[in-house]
C-alpha atoms as a PDB file:
ATOM      1  CA  MET A   1      -0.380  -0.516   0.205  1.00  0.00           C
ATOM      2  CA  ALA A   2       2.925   2.721   0.289  1.00  0.00           C
ATOM      3  CA  ASP A   3       2.447   2.810  -3.120  1.00  0.00           C
ATOM      4  CA  THR A   4      -1.046   4.240  -2.722  1.00  0.00           C
ATOM      5  CA  PRO A   5      -0.881   8.095  -2.108  1.00  0.00           C
ATOM      6  CA  THR A   6      -2.306   9.987   0.522  1.00  0.00           C
ATOM      7  CA  THR A   7      -4.698  12.094   0.858  1.00  0.00           C
ATOM      8  CA  SER A   8      -2.103  14.650   1.543  1.00  0.00           C
ATOM      9  CA  ASP A   9      -0.213  13.515  -1.252  1.00  0.00           C
ATOM     10  CA  LEU A  10      -3.510  13.970  -3.888  1.00  0.00           C
ATOM     11  CA  PHE A  11      -3.473  17.586  -2.500  1.00  0.00           C
ATOM     12  CA  LYS A  12      -0.328  18.385  -3.055  1.00  0.00           C
ATOM     13  CA  ALA A  13      -0.390  17.126  -7.554  1.00  0.00           C
ATOM     14  CA  LYS A  14      -3.445  19.372  -7.503  1.00  0.00           C
ATOM     15  CA  ALA A  15      -5.647  15.865  -7.730  1.00  0.00           C
ATOM     16  CA  ILE A  16      -8.096  16.710  -4.330  1.00  0.00           C
ATOM     17  CA  THR A  17      -8.844  20.825  -3.331  1.00  0.00           C
ATOM     18  CA  ASP A  18      -8.895  22.394  -0.910  1.00  0.00           C
ATOM     19  CA  GLY A  19     -13.285  21.746  -0.534  1.00  0.00           C
ATOM     20  CA  ASN A  20     -12.381  18.790  -1.542  1.00  0.00           C
ATOM     21  CA  VAL A  21     -10.945  18.244   2.375  1.00  0.00           C
ATOM     22  CA  HIS A  22     -13.172  20.343   3.453  1.00  0.00           C
ATOM     23  CA  ALA A  23     -16.034  19.133   2.411  1.00  0.00           C
ATOM     24  CA  ALA A  24     -15.371  15.832   3.448  1.00  0.00           C
ATOM     25  CA  VAL A  25     -14.757  17.122   7.237  1.00  0.00           C
ATOM     26  CA  ASP A  26     -18.295  18.561   6.582  1.00  0.00           C
ATOM     27  CA  ALA A  27     -19.319  14.903   5.345  1.00  0.00           C
ATOM     28  CA  TYR A  28     -17.734  13.329   8.392  1.00  0.00           C
ATOM     29  CA  ILE A  29     -18.355  15.706  11.119  1.00  0.00           C
ATOM     30  CA  ALA A  30     -21.999  15.420   9.907  1.00  0.00           C
ATOM     31  CA  ASP A  31     -22.312  11.420  10.184  1.00  0.00           C
ATOM     32  CA  PRO A  32     -19.697  10.028  11.677  1.00  0.00           C
ATOM     33  CA  SER A  33     -21.068   6.658  10.276  1.00  0.00           C
ATOM     34  CA  THR A  34     -20.029   8.387   6.211  1.00  0.00           C
ATOM     35  CA  SER A  35     -18.366   4.989   4.343  1.00  0.00           C
ATOM     36  CA  LEU A  36     -17.465   6.452   1.287  1.00  0.00           C
ATOM     37  CA  PHE A  37     -17.083   9.595  -0.249  1.00  0.00           C
ATOM     38  CA  VAL A  38     -15.311  10.667  -3.293  1.00  0.00           C
ATOM     39  CA  MET A  39     -13.597  13.689  -3.770  1.00  0.00           C
ATOM     40  CA  GLY A  40     -11.089  14.960  -6.671  1.00  0.00           C
ATOM     41  CA  GLU A  41     -10.410  13.185 -10.020  1.00  0.00           C
ATOM     42  CA  GLY A  42     -12.877  10.068  -9.040  1.00  0.00           C
ATOM     43  CA  TYR A  43     -11.017   8.549  -5.556  1.00  0.00           C
ATOM     44  CA  GLY A  44     -13.545   7.513  -3.014  1.00  0.00           C
ATOM     45  CA  LEU A  45     -12.657   7.347   1.125  1.00  0.00           C
ATOM     46  CA  ASP A  46     -14.398   5.405   3.457  1.00  0.00           C
ATOM     47  CA  LEU A  47     -14.264   8.462   6.060  1.00  0.00           C
ATOM     48  CA  ALA A  48     -16.134   6.135   8.624  1.00  0.00           C
ATOM     49  CA  GLU A  49     -12.621   4.096   8.516  1.00  0.00           C
ATOM     50  CA  ALA A  50     -10.185   6.634   7.769  1.00  0.00           C
ATOM     51  CA  VAL A  51     -11.363   8.707  11.105  1.00  0.00           C
ATOM     52  CA  GLN A  52     -11.335   4.820  13.247  1.00  0.00           C
ATOM     53  CA  ALA A  53      -7.498   4.512  11.989  1.00  0.00           C
ATOM     54  CA  HIS A  54      -6.011   7.346  12.966  1.00  0.00           C
ATOM     55  CA  LYS A  55      -5.808   6.821  17.052  1.00  0.00           C
ATOM     56  CA  TRP A  56      -5.645  10.954  18.155  1.00  0.00           C
ATOM     57  CA  ALA A  57      -9.068  11.176  15.299  1.00  0.00           C
ATOM     58  CA  LYS A  58     -10.677   8.427  17.435  1.00  0.00           C
ATOM     59  CA  ALA A  59     -10.286   9.983  20.245  1.00  0.00           C
ATOM     60  CA  THR A  60     -10.729  13.817  19.500  1.00  0.00           C
ATOM     61  CA  VAL A  61     -14.295  12.994  18.759  1.00  0.00           C
ATOM     62  CA  SER A  62     -15.617  10.194  20.732  1.00  0.00           C
ATOM     63  CA  HIS A  63     -14.034  12.802  23.387  1.00  0.00           C
ATOM     64  CA  PRO A  64     -16.953  14.504  25.016  1.00  0.00           C
ATOM     65  CA  THR A  65     -15.459  17.967  26.120  1.00  0.00           C
ATOM     66  CA  ALA A  66     -13.676  17.912  22.854  1.00  0.00           C
ATOM     67  CA  THR A  67     -14.452  21.303  21.127  1.00  0.00           C
ATOM     68  CA  GLU A  68     -16.282  21.735  17.132  1.00  0.00           C
ATOM     69  CA  HIS A  69     -12.768  23.308  15.962  1.00  0.00           C
ATOM     70  CA  LEU A  70     -10.575  20.492  17.798  1.00  0.00           C
ATOM     71  CA  LYS A  71     -13.189  17.719  16.582  1.00  0.00           C
ATOM     72  CA  ARG A  72     -12.632  19.061  12.554  1.00  0.00           C
ATOM     73  CA  ALA A  73      -8.840  19.284  13.010  1.00  0.00           C
ATOM     74  CA  ALA A  74      -8.967  15.748  13.808  1.00  0.00           C
ATOM     75  CA  VAL A  75     -11.376  14.195  11.229  1.00  0.00           C
ATOM     76  CA  ARG A  76      -9.293  16.609   8.875  1.00  0.00           C
ATOM     77  CA  THR A  77      -5.819  15.265   9.856  1.00  0.00           C
ATOM     78  CA  ALA A  78      -7.835  11.434   9.702  1.00  0.00           C
ATOM     79  CA  ILE A  79      -8.147  11.982   6.147  1.00  0.00           C
ATOM     80  CA  LEU A  80      -4.879  13.679   5.041  1.00  0.00           C
ATOM     81  CA  LEU A  81      -3.257  10.791   6.239  1.00  0.00           C
ATOM     82  CA  ALA A  82      -5.898   8.521   4.868  1.00  0.00           C
ATOM     83  CA  ARG A  83      -5.290   7.140   1.167  1.00  0.00           C
ATOM     84  CA  PRO A  84      -8.147   6.950  -1.354  1.00  0.00           C
ATOM     85  CA  GLU A  85      -8.549   4.718  -3.782  1.00  0.00           C
ATOM     86  CA  LYS A  86      -8.496   5.588  -7.248  1.00  0.00           C
ATOM     87  CA  ARG A  87     -12.183   4.636  -8.904  1.00  0.00           C
END
């Protein structure tokens, strides 16, 4: 899987925009069970899996005193480090 680029790599390559990442964060915040989010040039990411796989994001979104801003930052980090699949 090391050959599969991260969302961050795709963002740097301009295959995914900041708007795509922002929309993915919004989608997760609206529904944490979102299993497929399509972004950019046909890339799909399981948002729920991406957040659950990232230890800090998982702990932050479930912490009762975490602020909305902190939760969004944690989700964004998990999404940027995830490896979307080309669809």
